[in-house]
Amino acid sequence: MTDATELRDMDDAALTEHLQTARRELFGLRFQHATGELENTARLRLAKREVARALTLIRERGLEADNKELSR
């Protein structure tokens, strides 16, 4: 699990890569949960939060870019 400060230090490409990895992990965990193989169900919650953190930072960066263009 990556905290928000580490994610903020990533560039856009690395953050997108991290998001893809987190989504793949979440997919695998959901599959394991559906088949009854997942022992630690708290990992599902943590994976969802990881995806949400990455999406939030991507959205924040997009809004900052829009604000910079509007202020010109």
PDB file of N, CA and C in Angstrom:
ATOM      1  N   MET A   1       0.835  -1.177   0.000  1.00  0.00           N
ATOM      2  CA  MET A   1       0.000   0.000   0.000  1.00  0.00           C
ATOM      3  C   MET A   1       0.883   1.245   0.000  1.00  0.00           C
ATOM      4  N   THR A   2       0.497   2.184  -0.789  1.00  0.00           N
ATOM      5  CA  THR A   2       1.253   3.414  -0.948  1.00  0.00           C
ATOM      6  C   THR A   2       0.483   4.554  -0.293  1.00  0.00           C
ATOM      7  N   ASP A   3       1.183   5.387   0.465  1.00  0.00           N
ATOM      8  CA  ASP A   3       0.480   6.509   1.076  1.00  0.00           C
ATOM      9  C   ASP A   3       0.408   7.678   0.095  1.00  0.00           C
ATOM     10  N   ALA A   4      -0.393   8.657   0.445  1.00  0.00           N
ATOM     11  CA  ALA A   4      -0.683   9.759  -0.474  1.00  0.00           C
ATOM     12  C   ALA A   4       0.555  10.588  -0.794  1.00  0.00           C
ATOM     13  N   THR A   5       1.476  10.729   0.157  1.00  0.00           N
ATOM     14  CA  THR A   5       2.664  11.542  -0.117  1.00  0.00           C
ATOM     15  C   THR A   5       3.540  10.890  -1.172  1.00  0.00           C
ATOM     16  N   GLU A   6       3.636   9.572  -1.151  1.00  0.00           N
ATOM     17  CA  GLU A   6       4.411   8.874  -2.182  1.00  0.00           C
ATOM     18  C   GLU A   6       3.740   9.016  -3.539  1.00  0.00           C
ATOM     19  N   LEU A   7       2.415   8.957  -3.554  1.00  0.00           N
ATOM     20  CA  LEU A   7       1.690   9.105  -4.813  1.00  0.00           C
ATOM     21  C   LEU A   7       1.840  10.519  -5.365  1.00  0.00           C
ATOM     22  N   ARG A   8       1.849  11.515  -4.501  1.00  0.00           N
ATOM     23  CA  ARG A   8       1.993  12.904  -4.952  1.00  0.00           C
ATOM     24  C   ARG A   8       3.360  13.152  -5.578  1.00  0.00           C
ATOM     25  N   ASP A   9       4.361  12.399  -5.146  1.00  0.00           N
ATOM     26  CA  ASP A   9       5.707  12.559  -5.694  1.00  0.00           C
ATOM     27  C   ASP A   9       5.863  11.913  -7.069  1.00  0.00           C
ATOM     28  N   MET A  10       4.921  11.053  -7.454  1.00  0.00           N
ATOM     29  CA  MET A  10       5.003  10.371  -8.751  1.00  0.00           C
ATOM     30  C   MET A  10       4.612  11.326  -9.874  1.00  0.00           C
ATOM     31  N   ASP A  11       5.203  11.109 -11.054  1.00  0.00           N
ATOM     32  CA  ASP A  11       4.764  11.876 -12.215  1.00  0.00           C
ATOM     33  C   ASP A  11       3.498  11.222 -12.773  1.00  0.00           C
ATOM     34  N   ASP A  12       2.914  11.838 -13.783  1.00  0.00           N
ATOM     35  CA  ASP A  12       1.633  11.365 -14.310  1.00  0.00           C
ATOM     36  C   ASP A  12       1.711   9.941 -14.849  1.00  0.00           C
ATOM     37  N   ALA A  13       2.788   9.619 -15.555  1.00  0.00           N
ATOM     38  CA  ALA A  13       2.924   8.279 -16.131  1.00  0.00           C
ATOM     39  C   ALA A  13       3.034   7.222 -15.035  1.00  0.00           C
ATOM     40  N   ALA A  14       3.820   7.505 -14.014  1.00  0.00           N
ATOM     41  CA  ALA A  14       3.984   6.548 -12.916  1.00  0.00           C
ATOM     42  C   ALA A  14       2.685   6.392 -12.137  1.00  0.00           C
ATOM     43  N   LEU A  15       1.952   7.479 -11.970  1.00  0.00           N
ATOM     44  CA  LEU A  15       0.680   7.416 -11.256  1.00  0.00           C
ATOM     45  C   LEU A  15      -0.343   6.596 -12.038  1.00  0.00           C
ATOM     46  N   THR A  16      -0.367   6.765 -13.346  1.00  0.00           N
ATOM     47  CA  THR A  16      -1.271   5.975 -14.184  1.00  0.00           C
ATOM     48  C   THR A  16      -0.903   4.498 -14.127  1.00  0.00           C
ATOM     49  N   GLU A  17       0.383   4.208 -14.151  1.00  0.00           N
ATOM     50  CA  GLU A  17       0.848   2.820 -14.036  1.00  0.00           C
ATOM     51  C   GLU A  17       0.440   2.236 -12.686  1.00  0.00           C
ATOM     52  N   HIS A  18       0.586   3.020 -11.635  1.00  0.00           N
ATOM     53  CA  HIS A  18       0.201   2.570 -10.298  1.00  0.00           C
ATOM     54  C   HIS A  18      -1.300   2.286 -10.243  1.00  0.00           C
ATOM     55  N   LEU A  19      -2.091   3.140 -10.874  1.00  0.00           N
ATOM     56  CA  LEU A  19      -3.540   2.946 -10.913  1.00  0.00           C
ATOM     57  C   LEU A  19      -3.891   1.643 -11.620  1.00  0.00           C
ATOM     58  N   GLN A  20      -3.248   1.372 -12.747  1.00  0.00           N
ATOM     59  CA  GLN A  20      -3.512   0.130 -13.471  1.00  0.00           C
ATOM     60  C   GLN A  20      -3.156  -1.086 -12.627  1.00  0.00           C
ATOM     61  N   THR A  21      -2.035  -1.017 -11.930  1.00  0.00           N
ATOM     62  CA  THR A  21      -1.616  -2.117 -11.067  1.00  0.00           C
ATOM     63  C   THR A  21      -2.616  -2.319  -9.928  1.00  0.00           C
ATOM     64  N   ALA A  22      -3.060  -1.228  -9.330  1.00  0.00           N
ATOM     65  CA  ALA A  22      -4.018  -1.316  -8.226  1.00  0.00           C
ATOM     66  C   ALA A  22      -5.351  -1.887  -8.703  1.00  0.00           C
ATOM     67  N   ARG A  23      -5.772  -1.502  -9.900  1.00  0.00           N
ATOM     68  CA  ARG A  23      -7.028  -2.041 -10.437  1.00  0.00           C
ATOM     69  C   ARG A  23      -6.915  -3.537 -10.735  1.00  0.00           C
ATOM     70  N   ARG A  24      -5.745  -3.955 -11.254  1.00  0.00           N
ATOM     71  CA  ARG A  24      -5.539  -5.389 -11.495  1.00  0.00           C
ATOM     72  C   ARG A  24      -5.588  -6.167 -10.184  1.00  0.00           C
ATOM     73  N   GLU A  25      -4.953  -5.606  -9.154  1.00  0.00           N
ATOM     74  CA  GLU A  25      -4.961  -6.269  -7.850  1.00  0.00           C
ATOM     75  C   GLU A  25      -6.386  -6.367  -7.314  1.00  0.00           C
ATOM     76  N   LEU A  26      -7.148  -5.288  -7.431  1.00  0.00           N
ATOM     77  CA  LEU A  26      -8.530  -5.286  -6.963  1.00  0.00           C
ATOM     78  C   LEU A  26      -9.356  -6.320  -7.715  1.00  0.00           C
ATOM     79  N   PHE A  27      -9.161  -6.422  -9.013  1.00  0.00           N
ATOM     80  CA  PHE A  27      -9.875  -7.420  -9.803  1.00  0.00           C
ATOM     81  C   PHE A  27      -9.560  -8.826  -9.300  1.00  0.00           C
ATOM     82  N   GLY A  28      -8.280  -9.098  -9.078  1.00  0.00           N
ATOM     83  CA  GLY A  28      -7.882 -10.410  -8.583  1.00  0.00           C
ATOM     84  C   GLY A  28      -8.463 -10.709  -7.212  1.00  0.00           C
ATOM     85  N   LEU A  29      -8.479  -9.712  -6.352  1.00  0.00           N
ATOM     86  CA  LEU A  29      -9.041  -9.904  -5.013  1.00  0.00           C
ATOM     87  C   LEU A  29     -10.542 -10.159  -5.078  1.00  0.00           C
ATOM     88  N   ARG A  30     -11.237  -9.445  -5.960  1.00  0.00           N
ATOM     89  CA  ARG A  30     -12.678  -9.675  -6.107  1.00  0.00           C
ATOM     90  C   ARG A  30     -12.943 -11.088  -6.621  1.00  0.00           C
ATOM     91  N   PHE A  31     -12.121 -11.530  -7.534  1.00  0.00           N
ATOM     92  CA  PHE A  31     -12.269 -12.883  -8.071  1.00  0.00           C
ATOM     93  C   PHE A  31     -12.037 -13.916  -6.974  1.00  0.00           C
ATOM     94  N   GLN A  32     -10.984 -13.716  -6.181  1.00  0.00           N
ATOM     95  CA  GLN A  32     -10.705 -14.632  -5.072  1.00  0.00           C
ATOM     96  C   GLN A  32     -11.845 -14.627  -4.060  1.00  0.00           C
ATOM     97  N   HIS A  33     -12.408 -13.463  -3.809  1.00  0.00           N
ATOM     98  CA  HIS A  33     -13.511 -13.362  -2.858  1.00  0.00           C
ATOM     99  C   HIS A  33     -14.737 -14.115  -3.377  1.00  0.00           C
ATOM    100  N   ALA A  34     -15.009 -13.984  -4.665  1.00  0.00           N
ATOM    101  CA  ALA A  34     -16.174 -14.642  -5.255  1.00  0.00           C
ATOM    102  C   ALA A  34     -16.036 -16.157  -5.241  1.00  0.00           C
ATOM    103  N   THR A  35     -14.811 -16.648  -5.377  1.00  0.00           N
ATOM    104  CA  THR A  35     -14.602 -18.095  -5.388  1.00  0.00           C
ATOM    105  C   THR A  35     -14.333 -18.654  -3.998  1.00  0.00           C
ATOM    106  N   GLY A  36     -14.293 -17.777  -2.998  1.00  0.00           N
ATOM    107  CA  GLY A  36     -14.091 -18.232  -1.630  1.00  0.00           C
ATOM    108  C   GLY A  36     -12.646 -18.480  -1.257  1.00  0.00           C
ATOM    109  N   GLU A  37     -11.712 -18.024  -2.063  1.00  0.00           N
ATOM    110  CA  GLU A  37     -10.293 -18.253  -1.795  1.00  0.00           C
ATOM    111  C   GLU A  37      -9.661 -17.153  -0.950  1.00  0.00           C
ATOM    112  N   LEU A  38     -10.309 -16.012  -0.858  1.00  0.00           N
ATOM    113  CA  LEU A  38      -9.727 -14.870  -0.157  1.00  0.00           C
ATOM    114  C   LEU A  38      -9.895 -15.046   1.349  1.00  0.00           C
ATOM    115  N   GLU A  39      -8.771 -15.088   2.054  1.00  0.00           N
ATOM    116  CA  GLU A  39      -8.820 -15.267   3.502  1.00  0.00           C
ATOM    117  C   GLU A  39      -8.910 -13.931   4.232  1.00  0.00           C
ATOM    118  N   ASN A  40      -8.184 -12.933   3.742  1.00  0.00           N
ATOM    119  CA  ASN A  40      -8.156 -11.633   4.400  1.00  0.00           C
ATOM    120  C   ASN A  40      -9.014 -10.654   3.601  1.00  0.00           C
ATOM    121  N   THR A  41     -10.271 -10.515   3.985  1.00  0.00           N
ATOM    122  CA  THR A  41     -11.188  -9.663   3.227  1.00  0.00           C
ATOM    123  C   THR A  41     -10.887  -8.178   3.407  1.00  0.00           C
ATOM    124  N   ALA A  42     -10.092  -7.828   4.395  1.00  0.00           N
ATOM    125  CA  ALA A  42      -9.715  -6.421   4.587  1.00  0.00           C
ATOM    126  C   ALA A  42      -8.863  -5.927   3.426  1.00  0.00           C
ATOM    127  N   ARG A  43      -8.197  -6.837   2.738  1.00  0.00           N
ATOM    128  CA  ARG A  43      -7.385  -6.444   1.584  1.00  0.00           C
ATOM    129  C   ARG A  43      -8.250  -5.835   0.487  1.00  0.00           C
ATOM    130  N   LEU A  44      -9.497  -6.274   0.374  1.00  0.00           N
ATOM    131  CA  LEU A  44     -10.411  -5.684  -0.610  1.00  0.00           C
ATOM    132  C   LEU A  44     -10.606  -4.196  -0.327  1.00  0.00           C
ATOM    133  N   ARG A  45     -10.857  -3.868   0.918  1.00  0.00           N
ATOM    134  CA  ARG A  45     -11.073  -2.476   1.306  1.00  0.00           C
ATOM    135  C   ARG A  45      -9.825  -1.639   1.046  1.00  0.00           C
ATOM    136  N   LEU A  46      -8.666  -2.184   1.379  1.00  0.00           N
ATOM    137  CA  LEU A  46      -7.417  -1.461   1.164  1.00  0.00           C
ATOM    138  C   LEU A  46      -7.147  -1.241  -0.322  1.00  0.00           C
ATOM    139  N   ALA A  47      -7.467  -2.236  -1.138  1.00  0.00           N
ATOM    140  CA  ALA A  47      -7.255  -2.107  -2.580  1.00  0.00           C
ATOM    141  C   ALA A  47      -8.190  -1.051  -3.169  1.00  0.00           C
ATOM    142  N   LYS A  48      -9.433  -1.017  -2.691  1.00  0.00           N
ATOM    143  CA  LYS A  48     -10.373   0.003  -3.160  1.00  0.00           C
ATOM    144  C   LYS A  48      -9.871   1.401  -2.812  1.00  0.00           C
ATOM    145  N   ARG A  49      -9.341   1.545  -1.617  1.00  0.00           N
ATOM    146  CA  ARG A  49      -8.824   2.847  -1.195  1.00  0.00           C
ATOM    147  C   ARG A  49      -7.610   3.260  -2.019  1.00  0.00           C
ATOM    148  N   GLU A  50      -6.790   2.279  -2.374  1.00  0.00           N
ATOM    149  CA  GLU A  50      -5.608   2.570  -3.187  1.00  0.00           C
ATOM    150  C   GLU A  50      -6.025   3.115  -4.557  1.00  0.00           C
ATOM    151  N   VAL A  51      -7.030   2.487  -5.156  1.00  0.00           N
ATOM    152  CA  VAL A  51      -7.549   2.956  -6.445  1.00  0.00           C
ATOM    153  C   VAL A  51      -8.138   4.357  -6.284  1.00  0.00           C
ATOM    154  N   ALA A  52      -8.889   4.569  -5.214  1.00  0.00           N
ATOM    155  CA  ALA A  52      -9.514   5.873  -4.985  1.00  0.00           C
ATOM    156  C   ALA A  52      -8.466   6.968  -4.790  1.00  0.00           C
ATOM    157  N   ARG A  53      -7.388   6.658  -4.073  1.00  0.00           N
ATOM    158  CA  ARG A  53      -6.322   7.653  -3.876  1.00  0.00           C
ATOM    159  C   ARG A  53      -5.715   8.071  -5.211  1.00  0.00           C
ATOM    160  N   ALA A  54      -5.426   7.088  -6.042  1.00  0.00           N
ATOM    161  CA  ALA A  54      -4.810   7.386  -7.336  1.00  0.00           C
ATOM    162  C   ALA A  54      -5.764   8.197  -8.215  1.00  0.00           C
ATOM    163  N   LEU A  55      -7.033   7.808  -8.246  1.00  0.00           N
ATOM    164  CA  LEU A  55      -8.007   8.544  -9.052  1.00  0.00           C
ATOM    165  C   LEU A  55      -8.185   9.976  -8.545  1.00  0.00           C
ATOM    166  N   THR A  56      -8.159  10.154  -7.241  1.00  0.00           N
ATOM    167  CA  THR A  56      -8.293  11.487  -6.657  1.00  0.00           C
ATOM    168  C   THR A  56      -7.134  12.380  -7.072  1.00  0.00           C
ATOM    169  N   LEU A  57      -5.927  11.850  -7.016  1.00  0.00           N
ATOM    170  CA  LEU A  57      -4.765  12.653  -7.399  1.00  0.00           C
ATOM    171  C   LEU A  57      -4.779  12.996  -8.884  1.00  0.00           C
ATOM    172  N   ILE A  58      -5.194  12.057  -9.711  1.00  0.00           N
ATOM    173  CA  ILE A  58      -5.295  12.333 -11.147  1.00  0.00           C
ATOM    174  C   ILE A  58      -6.323  13.439 -11.389  1.00  0.00           C
ATOM    175  N   ARG A  59      -7.440  13.381 -10.690  1.00  0.00           N
ATOM    176  CA  ARG A  59      -8.485  14.404 -10.824  1.00  0.00           C
ATOM    177  C   ARG A  59      -7.980  15.762 -10.342  1.00  0.00           C
ATOM    178  N   GLU A  60      -7.272  15.781  -9.208  1.00  0.00           N
ATOM    179  CA  GLU A  60      -6.732  17.039  -8.689  1.00  0.00           C
ATOM    180  C   GLU A  60      -5.769  17.676  -9.683  1.00  0.00           C
ATOM    181  N   ARG A  61      -4.929  16.857 -10.278  1.00  0.00           N
ATOM    182  CA  ARG A  61      -3.969  17.387 -11.252  1.00  0.00           C
ATOM    183  C   ARG A  61      -4.682  17.947 -12.476  1.00  0.00           C
ATOM    184  N   GLY A  62      -5.740  17.277 -12.892  1.00  0.00           N
ATOM    185  CA  GLY A  62      -6.520  17.773 -14.022  1.00  0.00           C
ATOM    186  C   GLY A  62      -7.180  19.105 -13.715  1.00  0.00           C
ATOM    187  N   LEU A  63      -7.711  19.243 -12.507  1.00  0.00           N
ATOM    188  CA  LEU A  63      -8.339  20.499 -12.113  1.00  0.00           C
ATOM    189  C   LEU A  63      -7.316  21.620 -12.004  1.00  0.00           C
ATOM    190  N   GLU A  64      -6.131  21.310 -11.495  1.00  0.00           N
ATOM    191  CA  GLU A  64      -5.078  22.322 -11.414  1.00  0.00           C
ATOM    192  C   GLU A  64      -4.683  22.809 -12.803  1.00  0.00           C
ATOM    193  N   ALA A  65      -4.589  21.890 -13.742  1.00  0.00           N
ATOM    194  CA  ALA A  65      -4.233  22.267 -15.112  1.00  0.00           C
ATOM    195  C   ALA A  65      -5.325  23.148 -15.722  1.00  0.00           C
ATOM    196  N   ASP A  66      -6.589  22.803 -15.464  1.00  0.00           N
ATOM    197  CA  ASP A  66      -7.693  23.616 -15.975  1.00  0.00           C
ATOM    198  C   ASP A  66      -7.678  25.015 -15.371  1.00  0.00           C
ATOM    199  N   ASN A  67      -7.395  25.093 -14.078  1.00  0.00           N
ATOM    200  CA  ASN A  67      -7.354  26.404 -13.415  1.00  0.00           C
ATOM    201  C   ASN A  67      -6.224  27.265 -13.951  1.00  0.00           C
ATOM    202  N   LYS A  68      -5.103  26.651 -14.272  1.00  0.00           N
ATOM    203  CA  LYS A  68      -3.984  27.413 -14.825  1.00  0.00           C
ATOM    204  C   LYS A  68      -4.343  27.983 -16.191  1.00  0.00           C
ATOM    205  N   GLU A  69      -5.056  27.203 -16.995  1.00  0.00           N
ATOM    206  CA  GLU A  69      -5.453  27.675 -18.322  1.00  0.00           C
ATOM    207  C   GLU A  69      -6.478  28.801 -18.218  1.00  0.00           C
ATOM    208  N   LEU A  70      -7.383  28.700 -17.260  1.00  0.00           N
ATOM    209  CA  LEU A  70      -8.414  29.729 -17.110  1.00  0.00           C
ATOM    210  C   LEU A  70      -7.852  31.039 -16.572  1.00  0.00           C
ATOM    211  N   SER A  71      -6.794  30.960 -15.796  1.00  0.00           N
ATOM    212  CA  SER A  71      -6.244  32.175 -15.194  1.00  0.00           C
ATOM    213  C   SER A  71      -5.353  32.961 -16.152  1.00  0.00           C
ATOM    214  N   ARG A  72      -5.097  32.432 -17.306  1.00  0.00           N
ATOM    215  CA  ARG A  72      -4.252  33.141 -18.287  1.00  0.00           C
ATOM    216  C   ARG A  72      -4.933  34.321 -18.865  1.00  0.00           C
TER     217      ARG A  72
END
